[in-house]
Amino acid sequence: MAILSILKMGDPRLWQVAEPITEFDTPELHRLIADMFDTMAAVGGAGLAAPQVGVGQQLVIFGFEQNSRYPEAPPVPPTVLINPLI
């Protein structure tokens, strides 16, 4: 898998409204999810949204066994949210 570049605050792509995902269970979506988990692990993160890596789709991942940012937090299972709504 690959480590993706994370956009910095101020990047105009972070202001764009993410598009819903319409095709599921595709090799491209599986690869993006795997790359996002690899990226999140590489930076010691707890969660990551697709727009943060320059992909304008409604996709969020989170989860960790241990995280140095949250040392007292219990493990959170790896979770993928596609087209989440609040």
PDB file of N, CA and C in Angstrom:
ATOM      1  N   MET A   1       0.830  -1.181   0.000  1.00  0.00           N
ATOM      2  CA  MET A   1       0.000   0.000   0.000  1.00  0.00           C
ATOM      3  C   MET A   1       0.880   1.252   0.000  1.00  0.00           C
ATOM      4  N   ALA A   2       0.225   2.403   0.019  1.00  0.00           N
ATOM      5  CA  ALA A   2       0.974   3.658  -0.123  1.00  0.00           C
ATOM      6  C   ALA A   2       0.667   4.620   1.015  1.00  0.00           C
ATOM      7  N   ILE A   3       1.643   5.453   1.305  1.00  0.00           N
ATOM      8  CA  ILE A   3       1.450   6.548   2.258  1.00  0.00           C
ATOM      9  C   ILE A   3       1.088   7.770   1.421  1.00  0.00           C
ATOM     10  N   LEU A   4      -0.069   8.328   1.679  1.00  0.00           N
ATOM     11  CA  LEU A   4      -0.565   9.472   0.922  1.00  0.00           C
ATOM     12  C   LEU A   4      -0.126  10.774   1.577  1.00  0.00           C
ATOM     13  N   SER A   5      -0.052  11.824   0.787  1.00  0.00           N
ATOM     14  CA  SER A   5       0.257  13.155   1.328  1.00  0.00           C
ATOM     15  C   SER A   5      -0.988  13.731   1.980  1.00  0.00           C
ATOM     16  N   ILE A   6      -0.809  14.278   3.160  1.00  0.00           N
ATOM     17  CA  ILE A   6      -1.923  14.909   3.875  1.00  0.00           C
ATOM     18  C   ILE A   6      -1.877  16.404   3.591  1.00  0.00           C
ATOM     19  N   LEU A   7      -3.015  16.946   3.171  1.00  0.00           N
ATOM     20  CA  LEU A   7      -3.090  18.366   2.848  1.00  0.00           C
ATOM     21  C   LEU A   7      -2.965  19.199   4.113  1.00  0.00           C
ATOM     22  N   LYS A   8      -2.410  20.367   3.960  1.00  0.00           N
ATOM     23  CA  LYS A   8      -2.236  21.303   5.079  1.00  0.00           C
ATOM     24  C   LYS A   8      -3.386  22.303   5.101  1.00  0.00           C
ATOM     25  N   MET A   9      -3.673  22.812   6.289  1.00  0.00           N
ATOM     26  CA  MET A   9      -4.700  23.827   6.440  1.00  0.00           C
ATOM     27  C   MET A   9      -4.405  24.974   5.480  1.00  0.00           C
ATOM     28  N   GLY A  10      -5.434  25.462   4.808  1.00  0.00           N
ATOM     29  CA  GLY A  10      -5.277  26.518   3.833  1.00  0.00           C
ATOM     30  C   GLY A  10      -5.344  26.013   2.401  1.00  0.00           C
ATOM     31  N   ASP A  11      -5.183  24.706   2.207  1.00  0.00           N
ATOM     32  CA  ASP A  11      -5.288  24.145   0.860  1.00  0.00           C
ATOM     33  C   ASP A  11      -6.746  24.287   0.399  1.00  0.00           C
ATOM     34  N   PRO A  12      -6.982  24.884  -0.763  1.00  0.00           N
ATOM     35  CA  PRO A  12      -8.357  25.128  -1.209  1.00  0.00           C
ATOM     36  C   PRO A  12      -9.178  23.851  -1.411  1.00  0.00           C
ATOM     37  N   ARG A  13      -8.532  22.722  -1.623  1.00  0.00           N
ATOM     38  CA  ARG A  13      -9.280  21.470  -1.778  1.00  0.00           C
ATOM     39  C   ARG A  13     -10.022  21.092  -0.506  1.00  0.00           C
ATOM     40  N   LEU A  14      -9.546  21.579   0.630  1.00  0.00           N
ATOM     41  CA  LEU A  14     -10.219  21.265   1.892  1.00  0.00           C
ATOM     42  C   LEU A  14     -11.524  22.032   2.057  1.00  0.00           C
ATOM     43  N   TRP A  15     -11.753  23.029   1.235  1.00  0.00           N
ATOM     44  CA  TRP A  15     -12.996  23.812   1.286  1.00  0.00           C
ATOM     45  C   TRP A  15     -14.066  23.251   0.359  1.00  0.00           C
ATOM     46  N   GLN A  16     -13.699  22.330  -0.507  1.00  0.00           N
ATOM     47  CA  GLN A  16     -14.661  21.765  -1.456  1.00  0.00           C
ATOM     48  C   GLN A  16     -15.571  20.754  -0.756  1.00  0.00           C
ATOM     49  N   VAL A  17     -16.832  20.708  -1.183  1.00  0.00           N
ATOM     50  CA  VAL A  17     -17.784  19.740  -0.636  1.00  0.00           C
ATOM     51  C   VAL A  17     -17.482  18.378  -1.254  1.00  0.00           C
ATOM     52  N   ALA A  18     -17.276  17.389  -0.412  1.00  0.00           N
ATOM     53  CA  ALA A  18     -16.962  16.034  -0.890  1.00  0.00           C
ATOM     54  C   ALA A  18     -18.191  15.413  -1.551  1.00  0.00           C
ATOM     55  N   GLU A  19     -17.933  14.659  -2.602  1.00  0.00           N
ATOM     56  CA  GLU A  19     -18.994  13.985  -3.349  1.00  0.00           C
ATOM     57  C   GLU A  19     -19.309  12.631  -2.719  1.00  0.00           C
ATOM     58  N   PRO A  20     -20.577  12.208  -2.786  1.00  0.00           N
ATOM     59  CA  PRO A  20     -20.905  10.869  -2.283  1.00  0.00           C
ATOM     60  C   PRO A  20     -20.247   9.789  -3.146  1.00  0.00           C
ATOM     61  N   ILE A  21     -19.957   8.688  -2.527  1.00  0.00           N
ATOM     62  CA  ILE A  21     -19.442   7.515  -3.240  1.00  0.00           C
ATOM     63  C   ILE A  21     -20.644   6.771  -3.817  1.00  0.00           C
ATOM     64  N   THR A  22     -20.563   6.424  -5.093  1.00  0.00           N
ATOM     65  CA  THR A  22     -21.689   5.752  -5.750  1.00  0.00           C
ATOM     66  C   THR A  22     -21.354   4.336  -6.191  1.00  0.00           C
ATOM     67  N   GLU A  23     -20.066   4.014  -6.265  1.00  0.00           N
ATOM     68  CA  GLU A  23     -19.664   2.658  -6.647  1.00  0.00           C
ATOM     69  C   GLU A  23     -18.942   2.021  -5.471  1.00  0.00           C
ATOM     70  N   PHE A  24     -19.477   0.915  -5.006  1.00  0.00           N
ATOM     71  CA  PHE A  24     -18.955   0.244  -3.824  1.00  0.00           C
ATOM     72  C   PHE A  24     -18.264  -1.055  -4.217  1.00  0.00           C
ATOM     73  N   ASP A  25     -17.415  -1.549  -3.329  1.00  0.00           N
ATOM     74  CA  ASP A  25     -16.728  -2.831  -3.516  1.00  0.00           C
ATOM     75  C   ASP A  25     -15.919  -2.863  -4.813  1.00  0.00           C
ATOM     76  N   THR A  26     -15.271  -1.736  -5.107  1.00  0.00           N
ATOM     77  CA  THR A  26     -14.397  -1.672  -6.282  1.00  0.00           C
ATOM     78  C   THR A  26     -12.944  -1.784  -5.833  1.00  0.00           C
ATOM     79  N   PRO A  27     -12.063  -2.244  -6.706  1.00  0.00           N
ATOM     80  CA  PRO A  27     -10.645  -2.294  -6.340  1.00  0.00           C
ATOM     81  C   PRO A  27     -10.099  -0.914  -5.967  1.00  0.00           C
ATOM     82  N   GLU A  28     -10.558   0.126  -6.650  1.00  0.00           N
ATOM     83  CA  GLU A  28     -10.077   1.485  -6.367  1.00  0.00           C
ATOM     84  C   GLU A  28     -10.477   1.930  -4.964  1.00  0.00           C
ATOM     85  N   LEU A  29     -11.713   1.645  -4.565  1.00  0.00           N
ATOM     86  CA  LEU A  29     -12.163   2.030  -3.229  1.00  0.00           C
ATOM     87  C   LEU A  29     -11.411   1.242  -2.160  1.00  0.00           C
ATOM     88  N   HIS A  30     -11.231  -0.044  -2.384  1.00  0.00           N
ATOM     89  CA  HIS A  30     -10.478  -0.873  -1.429  1.00  0.00           C
ATOM     90  C   HIS A  30      -9.039  -0.362  -1.290  1.00  0.00           C
ATOM     91  N   ARG A  31      -8.423   0.020  -2.414  1.00  0.00           N
ATOM     92  CA  ARG A  31      -7.054   0.528  -2.389  1.00  0.00           C
ATOM     93  C   ARG A  31      -6.994   1.854  -1.636  1.00  0.00           C
ATOM     94  N   LEU A  32      -7.955   2.750  -1.895  1.00  0.00           N
ATOM     95  CA  LEU A  32      -7.977   4.036  -1.193  1.00  0.00           C
ATOM     96  C   LEU A  32      -8.111   3.821   0.313  1.00  0.00           C
ATOM     97  N   ILE A  33      -8.992   2.944   0.720  1.00  0.00           N
ATOM     98  CA  ILE A  33      -9.193   2.680   2.149  1.00  0.00           C
ATOM     99  C   ILE A  33      -7.908   2.123   2.767  1.00  0.00           C
ATOM    100  N   ALA A  34      -7.281   1.169   2.104  1.00  0.00           N
ATOM    101  CA  ALA A  34      -6.032   0.597   2.619  1.00  0.00           C
ATOM    102  C   ALA A  34      -4.943   1.661   2.703  1.00  0.00           C
ATOM    103  N   ASP A  35      -4.831   2.489   1.664  1.00  0.00           N
ATOM    104  CA  ASP A  35      -3.821   3.554   1.668  1.00  0.00           C
ATOM    105  C   ASP A  35      -4.097   4.562   2.776  1.00  0.00           C
ATOM    106  N   MET A  36      -5.363   4.860   3.017  1.00  0.00           N
ATOM    107  CA  MET A  36      -5.699   5.794   4.091  1.00  0.00           C
ATOM    108  C   MET A  36      -5.331   5.215   5.458  1.00  0.00           C
ATOM    109  N   PHE A  37      -5.578   3.919   5.683  1.00  0.00           N
ATOM    110  CA  PHE A  37      -5.183   3.304   6.952  1.00  0.00           C
ATOM    111  C   PHE A  37      -3.666   3.306   7.104  1.00  0.00           C
ATOM    112  N   ASP A  38      -2.942   3.024   6.028  1.00  0.00           N
ATOM    113  CA  ASP A  38      -1.478   3.075   6.083  1.00  0.00           C
ATOM    114  C   ASP A  38      -0.993   4.487   6.398  1.00  0.00           C
ATOM    115  N   THR A  39      -1.609   5.473   5.770  1.00  0.00           N
ATOM    116  CA  THR A  39      -1.233   6.877   5.995  1.00  0.00           C
ATOM    117  C   THR A  39      -1.508   7.279   7.431  1.00  0.00           C
ATOM    118  N   MET A  40      -2.692   6.929   7.924  1.00  0.00           N
ATOM    119  CA  MET A  40      -3.058   7.278   9.296  1.00  0.00           C
ATOM    120  C   MET A  40      -2.077   6.643  10.285  1.00  0.00           C
ATOM    121  N   ALA A  41      -1.726   5.389  10.068  1.00  0.00           N
ATOM    122  CA  ALA A  41      -0.783   4.710  10.960  1.00  0.00           C
ATOM    123  C   ALA A  41       0.594   5.363  10.892  1.00  0.00           C
ATOM    124  N   ALA A  42       1.014   5.767   9.697  1.00  0.00           N
ATOM    125  CA  ALA A  42       2.353   6.343   9.520  1.00  0.00           C
ATOM    126  C   ALA A  42       2.526   7.660  10.272  1.00  0.00           C
ATOM    127  N   VAL A  43       1.429   8.396  10.456  1.00  0.00           N
ATOM    128  CA  VAL A  43       1.521   9.686  11.150  1.00  0.00           C
ATOM    129  C   VAL A  43       0.997   9.610  12.586  1.00  0.00           C
ATOM    130  N   GLY A  44       0.665   8.408  13.042  1.00  0.00           N
ATOM    131  CA  GLY A  44       0.187   8.244  14.410  1.00  0.00           C
ATOM    132  C   GLY A  44      -1.190   8.828  14.637  1.00  0.00           C
ATOM    133  N   GLY A  45      -2.003   8.832  13.602  1.00  0.00           N
ATOM    134  CA  GLY A  45      -3.340   9.422  13.710  1.00  0.00           C
ATOM    135  C   GLY A  45      -4.363   8.475  14.289  1.00  0.00           C
ATOM    136  N   ALA A  46      -5.548   9.026  14.541  1.00  0.00           N
ATOM    137  CA  ALA A  46      -6.664   8.244  15.059  1.00  0.00           C
ATOM    138  C   ALA A  46      -7.805   8.196  14.055  1.00  0.00           C
ATOM    139  N   GLY A  47      -7.784   9.101  13.073  1.00  0.00           N
ATOM    140  CA  GLY A  47      -8.824   9.147  12.059  1.00  0.00           C
ATOM    141  C   GLY A  47      -8.354   9.970  10.873  1.00  0.00           C
ATOM    142  N   LEU A  48      -9.017   9.767   9.737  1.00  0.00           N
ATOM    143  CA  LEU A  48      -8.614  10.464   8.513  1.00  0.00           C
ATOM    144  C   LEU A  48      -9.803  10.482   7.562  1.00  0.00           C
ATOM    145  N   ALA A  49     -10.022  11.627   6.918  1.00  0.00           N
ATOM    146  CA  ALA A  49     -11.070  11.762   5.909  1.00  0.00           C
ATOM    147  C   ALA A  49     -10.428  11.856   4.534  1.00  0.00           C
ATOM    148  N   ALA A  50     -11.115  11.328   3.528  1.00  0.00           N
ATOM    149  CA  ALA A  50     -10.572  11.327   2.167  1.00  0.00           C
ATOM    150  C   ALA A  50     -10.176  12.726   1.691  1.00  0.00           C
ATOM    151  N   PRO A  51     -10.961  13.772   1.957  1.00  0.00           N
ATOM    152  CA  PRO A  51     -10.524  15.097   1.507  1.00  0.00           C
ATOM    153  C   PRO A  51      -9.171  15.529   2.088  1.00  0.00           C
ATOM    154  N   GLN A  52      -8.808  15.006   3.244  1.00  0.00           N
ATOM    155  CA  GLN A  52      -7.513  15.353   3.832  1.00  0.00           C
ATOM    156  C   GLN A  52      -6.342  14.820   3.013  1.00  0.00           C
ATOM    157  N   VAL A  53      -6.593  13.816   2.175  1.00  0.00           N
ATOM    158  CA  VAL A  53      -5.539  13.286   1.310  1.00  0.00           C
ATOM    159  C   VAL A  53      -5.816  13.638  -0.152  1.00  0.00           C
ATOM    160  N   GLY A  54      -6.634  14.674  -0.358  1.00  0.00           N
ATOM    161  CA  GLY A  54      -6.884  15.191  -1.698  1.00  0.00           C
ATOM    162  C   GLY A  54      -7.895  14.428  -2.521  1.00  0.00           C
ATOM    163  N   VAL A  55      -8.702  13.599  -1.880  1.00  0.00           N
ATOM    164  CA  VAL A  55      -9.736  12.834  -2.581  1.00  0.00           C
ATOM    165  C   VAL A  55     -11.087  13.398  -2.158  1.00  0.00           C
ATOM    166  N   GLY A  56     -11.793  14.002  -3.084  1.00  0.00           N
ATOM    167  CA  GLY A  56     -13.050  14.680  -2.771  1.00  0.00           C
ATOM    168  C   GLY A  56     -14.237  13.756  -2.685  1.00  0.00           C
ATOM    169  N   GLN A  57     -14.133  12.729  -1.862  1.00  0.00           N
ATOM    170  CA  GLN A  57     -15.232  11.774  -1.674  1.00  0.00           C
ATOM    171  C   GLN A  57     -15.586  11.687  -0.198  1.00  0.00           C
ATOM    172  N   GLN A  58     -16.826  11.285   0.066  1.00  0.00           N
ATOM    173  CA  GLN A  58     -17.321  11.174   1.433  1.00  0.00           C
ATOM    174  C   GLN A  58     -16.900   9.831   2.031  1.00  0.00           C
ATOM    175  N   LEU A  59     -15.702   9.825   2.577  1.00  0.00           N
ATOM    176  CA  LEU A  59     -15.120   8.618   3.152  1.00  0.00           C
ATOM    177  C   LEU A  59     -14.304   9.014   4.368  1.00  0.00           C
ATOM    178  N   VAL A  60     -14.549   8.331   5.486  1.00  0.00           N
ATOM    179  CA  VAL A  60     -13.835   8.589   6.733  1.00  0.00           C
ATOM    180  C   VAL A  60     -13.402   7.252   7.307  1.00  0.00           C
ATOM    181  N   ILE A  61     -12.182   7.208   7.842  1.00  0.00           N
ATOM    182  CA  ILE A  61     -11.716   6.014   8.541  1.00  0.00           C
ATOM    183  C   ILE A  61     -11.232   6.426   9.932  1.00  0.00           C
ATOM    184  N   PHE A  62     -11.294   5.494  10.869  1.00  0.00           N
ATOM    185  CA  PHE A  62     -10.708   5.731  12.184  1.00  0.00           C
ATOM    186  C   PHE A  62     -10.497   4.405  12.882  1.00  0.00           C
ATOM    187  N   GLY A  63      -9.720   4.448  13.953  1.00  0.00           N
ATOM    188  CA  GLY A  63      -9.465   3.262  14.753  1.00  0.00           C
ATOM    189  C   GLY A  63      -7.989   3.128  15.085  1.00  0.00           C
ATOM    190  N   PHE A  64      -7.704   2.487  16.232  1.00  0.00           N
ATOM    191  CA  PHE A  64      -6.322   2.274  16.655  1.00  0.00           C
ATOM    192  C   PHE A  64      -6.290   1.271  17.796  1.00  0.00           C
ATOM    193  N   GLU A  65      -5.160   0.599  17.923  1.00  0.00           N
ATOM    194  CA  GLU A  65      -4.916  -0.262  19.081  1.00  0.00           C
ATOM    195  C   GLU A  65      -4.412   0.586  20.235  1.00  0.00           C
ATOM    196  N   GLN A  66      -3.373   1.370  19.949  1.00  0.00           N
ATOM    197  CA  GLN A  66      -2.819   2.329  20.900  1.00  0.00           C
ATOM    198  C   GLN A  66      -2.468   3.574  20.109  1.00  0.00           C
ATOM    199  N   ASN A  67      -2.571   4.723  20.772  1.00  0.00           N
ATOM    200  CA  ASN A  67      -2.255   5.963  20.087  1.00  0.00           C
ATOM    201  C   ASN A  67      -1.523   6.879  21.055  1.00  0.00           C
ATOM    202  N   SER A  68      -0.365   7.364  20.633  1.00  0.00           N
ATOM    203  CA  SER A  68       0.433   8.211  21.522  1.00  0.00           C
ATOM    204  C   SER A  68      -0.255   9.529  21.845  1.00  0.00           C
ATOM    205  N   ARG A  69      -1.138   9.980  20.984  1.00  0.00           N
ATOM    206  CA  ARG A  69      -1.885  11.225  21.254  1.00  0.00           C
ATOM    207  C   ARG A  69      -2.938  11.014  22.342  1.00  0.00           C
ATOM    208  N   TYR A  70      -3.432   9.787  22.435  1.00  0.00           N
ATOM    209  CA  TYR A  70      -4.488   9.458  23.393  1.00  0.00           C
ATOM    210  C   TYR A  70      -4.075   8.225  24.184  1.00  0.00           C
ATOM    211  N   PRO A  71      -3.046   8.342  25.027  1.00  0.00           N
ATOM    212  CA  PRO A  71      -2.491   7.148  25.689  1.00  0.00           C
ATOM    213  C   PRO A  71      -3.473   6.436  26.619  1.00  0.00           C
ATOM    214  N   GLU A  72      -4.434   7.133  27.154  1.00  0.00           N
ATOM    215  CA  GLU A  72      -5.390   6.511  28.081  1.00  0.00           C
ATOM    216  C   GLU A  72      -6.623   5.946  27.370  1.00  0.00           C
ATOM    217  N   ALA A  73      -6.750   6.203  26.076  1.00  0.00           N
ATOM    218  CA  ALA A  73      -7.943   5.763  25.347  1.00  0.00           C
ATOM    219  C   ALA A  73      -7.919   4.255  25.115  1.00  0.00           C
ATOM    220  N   PRO A  74      -9.077   3.628  25.249  1.00  0.00           N
ATOM    221  CA  PRO A  74      -9.144   2.196  24.936  1.00  0.00           C
ATOM    222  C   PRO A  74      -9.034   1.994  23.427  1.00  0.00           C
ATOM    223  N   PRO A  75      -8.692   0.785  22.995  1.00  0.00           N
ATOM    224  CA  PRO A  75      -8.615   0.521  21.554  1.00  0.00           C
ATOM    225  C   PRO A  75      -9.957   0.802  20.864  1.00  0.00           C
ATOM    226  N   VAL A  76      -9.862   1.262  19.638  1.00  0.00           N
ATOM    227  CA  VAL A  76     -11.041   1.493  18.803  1.00  0.00           C
ATOM    228  C   VAL A  76     -10.862   0.637  17.557  1.00  0.00           C
ATOM    229  N   PRO A  77     -11.836  -0.217  17.237  1.00  0.00           N
ATOM    230  CA  PRO A  77     -11.647  -1.089  16.078  1.00  0.00           C
ATOM    231  C   PRO A  77     -11.570  -0.285  14.781  1.00  0.00           C
ATOM    232  N   PRO A  78     -10.818  -0.791  13.798  1.00  0.00           N
ATOM    233  CA  PRO A  78     -10.759  -0.107  12.509  1.00  0.00           C
ATOM    234  C   PRO A  78     -12.172   0.031  11.934  1.00  0.00           C
ATOM    235  N   THR A  79     -12.521   1.254  11.573  1.00  0.00           N
ATOM    236  CA  THR A  79     -13.876   1.561  11.120  1.00  0.00           C
ATOM    237  C   THR A  79     -13.808   2.368   9.827  1.00  0.00           C
ATOM    238  N   VAL A  80     -14.694   2.051   8.896  1.00  0.00           N
ATOM    239  CA  VAL A  80     -14.802   2.773   7.632  1.00  0.00           C
ATOM    240  C   VAL A  80     -16.220   3.296   7.529  1.00  0.00           C
ATOM    241  N   LEU A  81     -16.345   4.600   7.268  1.00  0.00           N
ATOM    242  CA  LEU A  81     -17.664   5.217   7.053  1.00  0.00           C
ATOM    243  C   LEU A  81     -17.701   5.743   5.630  1.00  0.00           C
ATOM    244  N   ILE A  82     -18.672   5.274   4.873  1.00  0.00           N
ATOM    245  CA  ILE A  82     -18.873   5.723   3.501  1.00  0.00           C
ATOM    246  C   ILE A  82     -20.163   6.520   3.447  1.00  0.00           C
ATOM    247  N   ASN A  83     -20.078   7.729   2.901  1.00  0.00           N
ATOM    248  CA  ASN A  83     -21.217   8.645   2.819  1.00  0.00           C
ATOM    249  C   ASN A  83     -21.862   8.852   4.198  1.00  0.00           C
ATOM    250  N   PRO A  84     -21.075   9.193   5.215  1.00  0.00           N
ATOM    251  CA  PRO A  84     -21.664   9.348   6.553  1.00  0.00           C
ATOM    252  C   PRO A  84     -22.562  10.571   6.636  1.00  0.00           C
ATOM    253  N   LEU A  85     -23.567  10.459   7.471  1.00  0.00           N
ATOM    254  CA  LEU A  85     -24.490  11.573   7.759  1.00  0.00           C
ATOM    255  C   LEU A  85     -24.536  11.778   9.254  1.00  0.00           C
ATOM    256  N   ILE A  86     -24.637  13.025   9.657  1.00  0.00           N
ATOM    257  CA  ILE A  86     -24.752  13.319  11.093  1.00  0.00           C
ATOM    258  C   ILE A  86     -26.226  13.521  11.412  1.00  0.00           C
TER     259      ILE A  86
END
